[in-house]
Amino acid sequence: MEIFEDVASLFRALMHPTRLAILEILRSGEECVCHMEATLGLRQAYISQQLAVLRQVGLVSVRRDGWNIFYKVTRPEVFAVIDAAWAMLPARDQKHLAAQAIAPKAGKCPCPKCSVQVAA
C-alpha cells in the first residue's frame, strides 16, 4: 500500500476548499498573497498555511519581490484533475459559480500588479 502514498498525499492536499480556490486563482498565472487575501476575504496567515500545504506536495512555488510574495502553479496537470472532479458533479454549472466567487475584486489588492491593472 505504500506505493499509493504519494497519490494519497496529493489528494489530501486537494481536499480543502480554500486550497482549491487558491489553485483556481493561480490557474491564470502567478499571483501575490495579498491578491489572494483580497479575492478570498481571508486572513493572510490562513492563506499562507494553505499555500504551505500546496508547496509541500509540489503543486506551487514561491517567488519574493521586495515585500510581495508571489505564487505560481508548478504542476499545471493538477487542473486536469480538478476539471475531472467538476465534470463528475451533477451540477456542472457550479464551476461557473466558483469562477465568479474567485473573480478579482477591482481595487481591493494593493500589489503592484493589481495597481497597474486598476490604473489602466
Foldseek 3Di string as FASTA:
>chain_A
DVVCVLVVLVVVLVPDVLLVLVVLLQLVHKDWLLQSCLLQVDDSVVNVVSVVSCVVSPQKDWDDDPPTIIIHGPDNVVVVVVLVVLVPDPPNCVVVVSNVSRPGDQPRGPDPVSVVVNVD
